[in-house]
Structure formats: C-alpha cells, structure tokens
Amino acid sequence: MSTATAAAPRGIRDEVAALKRERTIAVAVDLFYDRGYENTSLDAVAEQMGVTKPFIYAHFSSKAELLAEICSRGIASALEALDSVLGMSGSPTERLREVGLRFVSAVLQNQRHIAIFSREEKNLTAADYTRISEMRREFDHKLVKLLDEGVMAGEFHVTDTRMAALGIGGMISWAYVWYRSHGRFTLEQTADALTELILRMVGADLPEQAPAGISGKSRKKVSKP
C-alpha cells in the first residue's frame, strides 16, 4: 500500500474522531449549563448522546478534563482573536477597533462556555486553573502592549494602560451575561457598539456618530501586511 493510500484512511479517521470529540463537548456544554457540572455525570452525557460511556473515554480521560476543555474555549477564542489582529498593518486605533469587533464576537459565540467557566472554575483541577489563568494573563499582557503603542503614538489618552486593559476585558467578557441572540441588537451590532465604547474608553479620536452596527455605516477594516 502506498504512503498516500495509507494516509487517506488515517485522515478520515482523524476527522471522524474530531467530530465525535466536538459532539461530546457540545452535549456536555448544554448539560453543564442547564444542570450544573456537579449534577451532571458522564453517564448523563453518554445517555444524551445515545452512546456508552467508553465512547466518551475514548476522547476524554475524565469529566474534569471535559470541563477544562469547555472552560478554556472562551479565553482561547479571545486570545486567538487578539493574535489575529496584532500582526496586521494599520494604526493602533484601527487595530484596536478590529480587536474589539473580534473579541466581542469570540465572547458571544462562546457564551455558554464562558458562563460555565464563571460558575464552575472552582471545580477545575489546580493545573487546569493555572493553565487557563496563564492564557488570561497573556491576553491582558498583549492588549496592554497595543494600548501602550497607541499612547506612544498619541492616539490613546489613558494614564494606566493595564487598568484600561482590565476594564476592556471585564466589560466585554461580561457581555455573556446579558446578550441575547434574539434581543434588540444582532451580534454584529453589539460588537460595533461595544467596540465604540472601547475606543472612547481609551480616549481615541473618533467622529461624533453612532456605532456602525446601529447606524448602518460600514466598518473600517485593517489589512494584513
């Protein structure tokens, strides 16, 4: 059998395994969110999926590992959103605007994951809690660097960029509590409005106009180098 022929079945198996893993996470998210982590057993997850518990153990060694995967996804997606912008060209204001849009979207697309982390972080193992906390600190550190750059360029006007970064992170992360997909604003409008608040928080020079998502004005994108 050729290498290419052997690789094809392995690739398919990997894709199937990934789909099974994601299905397990999705069901666990719903159950942990609705019932709570301590009131949800792996047997309950398996029953909801219509599989046996060994199916879950093929992808997760324990319920604690499953919880850690769920809890890490919100901050991981936010960090990915930030990293995707930092290497782009554009002024600090333009890049912070794009960070805001992507950060809000990441939070709202992982709304239940973040809610579970907020409620269940006490049930994480010490190692998992430390790992996730390190990701949060990395996010804050990178955001502070962008704010410092904006201050040095004369575009942002804040005296304490670390406090500003913590304020931005807190404001956007809290959106998981109140945002409703069928509420007054769409996700895009919410991202535009909160990004406008971020820019005003750091004293960026902005035209006096309503946020783009509510007024209907188009967003200004930064470009990749």
Protein backbone atom coordinates (compact mmCIF):
# COMPACT_ATOMS: atom_id res chain seq x y z
CA MET A 1 0.00 0.00 0.00
CA SER A 2 1.41 3.41 -0.94
CA THR A 3 2.02 6.13 1.64
CA ALA A 4 -0.72 8.27 0.08
CA THR A 5 -3.20 5.40 0.23
CA ALA A 6 -2.38 4.70 3.86
CA ALA A 7 -2.61 8.39 4.78
CA ALA A 8 -6.13 8.80 3.40
CA PRO A 9 -7.85 6.43 5.88
CA ARG A 10 -5.86 7.97 8.75
CA GLY A 11 -7.03 11.41 7.69
CA ILE A 12 -10.63 10.27 7.60
CA ARG A 13 -10.29 8.60 11.00
CA ASP A 14 -8.85 11.79 12.45
CA GLU A 15 -11.74 13.82 11.06
CA VAL A 16 -14.28 11.38 12.46
CA ALA A 17 -12.55 11.41 15.85
CA ALA A 18 -12.57 15.21 15.85
CA LEU A 19 -16.29 15.27 15.04
CA LYS A 20 -17.01 12.82 17.86
CA ARG A 21 -14.99 14.91 20.27
CA GLU A 22 -16.82 18.08 19.26
CA ARG A 23 -20.16 16.35 19.62
CA THR A 24 -19.23 15.25 23.13
CA ILE A 25 -18.22 18.80 24.05
CA ALA A 26 -21.41 20.28 22.61
CA VAL A 27 -23.66 17.93 24.59
CA ALA A 28 -21.64 18.45 27.78
CA VAL A 29 -21.88 22.22 27.37
CA ASP A 30 -25.66 22.05 27.25
CA LEU A 31 -25.90 19.74 30.25
CA PHE A 32 -23.31 21.55 32.38
CA TYR A 33 -25.03 24.85 31.57
CA ASP A 34 -28.56 23.63 32.30
CA ARG A 35 -27.90 21.28 35.24
CA GLY A 36 -24.52 22.32 36.59
CA TYR A 37 -21.25 20.41 36.48
CA GLU A 38 -21.69 18.60 39.80
CA ASN A 39 -25.20 17.47 38.88
CA THR A 40 -24.15 16.05 35.51
CA SER A 41 -22.42 12.68 35.27
CA LEU A 42 -20.60 11.26 32.26
CA ASP A 43 -23.37 8.65 32.18
CA ALA A 44 -25.84 11.50 31.63
CA VAL A 45 -23.71 12.91 28.82
CA ALA A 46 -23.47 9.48 27.20
CA GLU A 47 -27.21 8.91 27.56
CA GLN A 48 -27.96 12.27 25.96
CA MET A 49 -25.69 11.35 23.06
CA GLY A 50 -27.12 7.85 22.71
CA VAL A 51 -23.74 6.22 23.27
CA THR A 52 -21.97 4.30 26.02
CA LYS A 53 -19.53 5.90 28.46
CA PRO A 54 -16.47 4.25 26.80
CA PHE A 55 -17.30 6.41 23.76
CA ILE A 56 -16.55 9.48 25.89
CA TYR A 57 -13.46 7.93 27.49
CA ALA A 58 -12.03 7.48 24.01
CA HIS A 59 -11.71 11.27 23.85
CA PHE A 60 -11.59 12.47 27.47
CA SER A 61 -9.97 10.73 30.42
CA SER A 62 -12.39 12.21 32.94
CA LYS A 63 -15.26 14.62 33.49
CA ALA A 64 -12.70 17.09 34.87
CA GLU A 65 -10.79 17.04 31.58
CA LEU A 66 -14.03 17.67 29.70
CA LEU A 67 -14.78 20.63 31.98
CA ALA A 68 -11.30 22.05 31.43
CA GLU A 69 -11.72 21.86 27.65
CA ILE A 70 -15.04 23.72 27.86
CA CYS A 71 -13.72 26.36 30.25
CA SER A 72 -10.63 27.07 28.17
CA ARG A 73 -12.50 27.68 24.93
CA GLY A 74 -13.79 31.16 25.72
CA ILE A 75 -10.39 32.63 26.61
CA ALA A 76 -8.69 30.63 23.84
CA SER A 77 -11.01 32.13 21.24
CA ALA A 78 -10.49 35.64 22.65
CA LEU A 79 -6.71 35.18 22.58
CA GLU A 80 -6.90 33.90 19.02
CA ALA A 81 -8.96 36.95 18.05
CA LEU A 82 -6.35 39.26 19.56
CA ASP A 83 -3.42 37.44 17.97
CA SER A 84 -5.12 37.54 14.56
CA VAL A 85 -5.06 41.34 14.65
CA LEU A 86 -1.73 42.17 16.27
CA GLY A 87 0.26 41.23 13.18
CA MET A 88 -1.86 43.35 10.86
CA SER A 89 -0.87 46.73 9.48
CA GLY A 90 -2.77 49.86 10.46
CA SER A 91 -2.73 52.41 13.22
CA PRO A 92 -3.23 51.43 16.87
CA THR A 93 -6.76 52.83 16.68
CA GLU A 94 -7.60 50.76 13.62
CA ARG A 95 -6.17 47.62 15.16
CA LEU A 96 -7.88 48.18 18.50
CA ARG A 97 -11.17 48.61 16.64
CA GLU A 98 -10.64 45.27 14.93
CA VAL A 99 -9.62 43.64 18.23
CA GLY A 100 -12.86 44.89 19.76
CA LEU A 101 -15.01 43.51 16.96
CA ARG A 102 -13.34 40.11 17.05
CA PHE A 103 -13.13 39.95 20.85
CA VAL A 104 -16.84 40.63 21.26
CA SER A 105 -17.70 38.06 18.60
CA ALA A 106 -15.47 35.47 20.29
CA VAL A 107 -17.17 36.04 23.66
CA LEU A 108 -20.70 35.93 22.31
CA GLN A 109 -20.06 32.88 20.14
CA ASN A 110 -18.79 31.07 23.26
CA GLN A 111 -21.44 32.45 25.60
CA ARG A 112 -22.25 29.18 27.34
CA HIS A 113 -18.60 28.15 27.64
CA ILE A 114 -17.82 31.39 29.47
CA ALA A 115 -20.87 31.04 31.70
CA ILE A 116 -19.76 27.54 32.66
CA PHE A 117 -16.25 28.76 33.45
CA SER A 118 -17.63 31.57 35.61
CA ARG A 119 -19.80 29.15 37.59
CA GLU A 120 -17.57 26.09 37.66
CA GLU A 121 -13.97 27.31 37.87
CA LYS A 122 -13.94 26.04 41.46
CA ASN A 123 -14.23 22.51 40.05
CA LEU A 124 -11.17 22.79 37.80
CA THR A 125 -8.05 20.98 38.83
CA ALA A 126 -5.25 23.23 40.09
CA ALA A 127 -3.24 22.55 36.94
CA ASP A 128 -6.11 23.40 34.61
CA TYR A 129 -6.99 26.54 36.54
CA THR A 130 -3.37 27.68 36.35
CA ARG A 131 -3.20 26.98 32.61
CA ILE A 132 -6.37 28.94 31.88
CA SER A 133 -5.27 31.79 34.15
CA GLU A 134 -2.00 31.99 32.22
CA MET A 135 -3.97 32.36 28.99
CA ARG A 136 -5.96 35.21 30.53
CA ARG A 137 -2.77 36.95 31.66
CA GLU A 138 -1.29 36.52 28.19
CA PHE A 139 -4.37 38.20 26.70
CA ASP A 140 -4.11 41.11 29.15
CA HIS A 141 -0.36 41.50 28.51
CA LYS A 142 -0.81 41.65 24.73
CA LEU A 143 -3.69 44.10 24.99
CA VAL A 144 -1.61 46.34 27.27
CA LYS A 145 1.16 46.37 24.66
CA LEU A 146 -1.30 47.54 21.99
CA LEU A 147 -2.63 50.25 24.30
CA ASP A 148 0.94 51.35 25.12
CA GLU A 149 1.63 51.62 21.41
CA GLY A 150 -1.43 53.81 20.99
CA VAL A 151 -0.38 56.05 23.86
CA MET A 152 3.14 56.42 22.42
CA ALA A 153 1.62 57.33 19.05
CA GLY A 154 -0.57 59.98 20.68
CA GLU A 155 -3.76 58.15 19.62
CA PHE A 156 -4.87 56.92 23.07
CA HIS A 157 -5.12 59.03 26.20
CA VAL A 158 -5.01 56.84 29.30
CA THR A 159 -2.73 57.12 32.31
CA ASP A 160 -2.79 53.42 33.25
CA THR A 161 -2.91 51.07 30.27
CA ARG A 162 -3.02 47.96 32.47
CA MET A 163 -6.13 49.18 34.24
CA ALA A 164 -7.63 50.11 30.87
CA ALA A 165 -6.92 46.63 29.53
CA LEU A 166 -8.55 45.04 32.57
CA GLY A 167 -11.54 47.33 32.16
CA ILE A 168 -11.91 46.41 28.49
CA GLY A 169 -11.61 42.72 29.24
CA GLY A 170 -14.14 42.92 32.04
CA MET A 171 -16.67 44.89 30.04
CA ILE A 172 -16.57 42.59 27.03
CA SER A 173 -16.38 39.35 28.98
CA TRP A 174 -19.46 40.35 30.99
CA ALA A 175 -21.49 40.53 27.76
CA TYR A 176 -22.05 36.77 28.06
CA VAL A 177 -24.46 37.54 30.93
CA TRP A 178 -26.82 39.94 29.20
CA TYR A 179 -26.53 39.33 25.45
CA ARG A 180 -29.45 37.51 23.81
CA SER A 181 -29.25 36.37 20.19
CA HIS A 182 -32.87 37.42 19.65
CA GLY A 183 -32.59 40.65 21.61
CA ARG A 184 -32.56 44.27 20.45
CA PHE A 185 -29.27 44.05 18.55
CA THR A 186 -27.64 41.46 16.35
CA LEU A 187 -24.23 40.12 17.28
CA GLU A 188 -22.62 42.44 14.72
CA GLN A 189 -24.44 45.49 16.07
CA THR A 190 -23.46 44.56 19.61
CA ALA A 191 -19.82 44.15 18.56
CA ASP A 192 -19.87 47.55 16.85
CA ALA A 193 -21.46 49.30 19.84
CA LEU A 194 -19.10 47.76 22.42
CA THR A 195 -16.09 48.46 20.22
CA GLU A 196 -17.14 52.10 20.09
CA LEU A 197 -17.15 52.11 23.89
CA ILE A 198 -13.67 50.56 23.97
CA LEU A 199 -12.29 53.28 21.72
CA ARG A 200 -13.90 56.02 23.78
CA MET A 201 -12.61 54.39 26.96
CA VAL A 202 -9.01 54.84 25.79
CA GLY A 203 -9.64 58.36 24.51
CA ALA A 204 -9.21 57.59 20.83
CA ASP A 205 -10.15 60.44 18.50
CA LEU A 206 -13.43 59.46 16.88
CA PRO A 207 -16.01 61.26 14.77
CA GLU A 208 -19.22 62.09 16.60
CA GLN A 209 -21.51 59.44 15.16
CA ALA A 210 -23.49 56.40 16.23
CA PRO A 211 -21.77 52.99 16.25
CA ALA A 212 -21.55 51.48 12.77
CA GLY A 213 -23.70 48.45 13.51
CA ILE A 214 -26.63 50.58 14.70
CA SER A 215 -26.40 53.48 12.27
CA GLY A 216 -25.81 51.22 9.28
CA LYS A 217 -22.41 52.70 8.45
CA SER A 218 -19.82 50.22 7.23
CA ARG A 219 -16.91 49.07 9.32
CA LYS A 220 -13.38 50.12 8.56
CA LYS A 221 -11.11 47.10 8.36
CA VAL A 222 -7.38 46.88 8.83
CA SER A 223 -5.42 44.93 6.29
CA LYS A 224 -2.89 42.18 6.61
CA PRO A 225 0.70 43.14 5.88
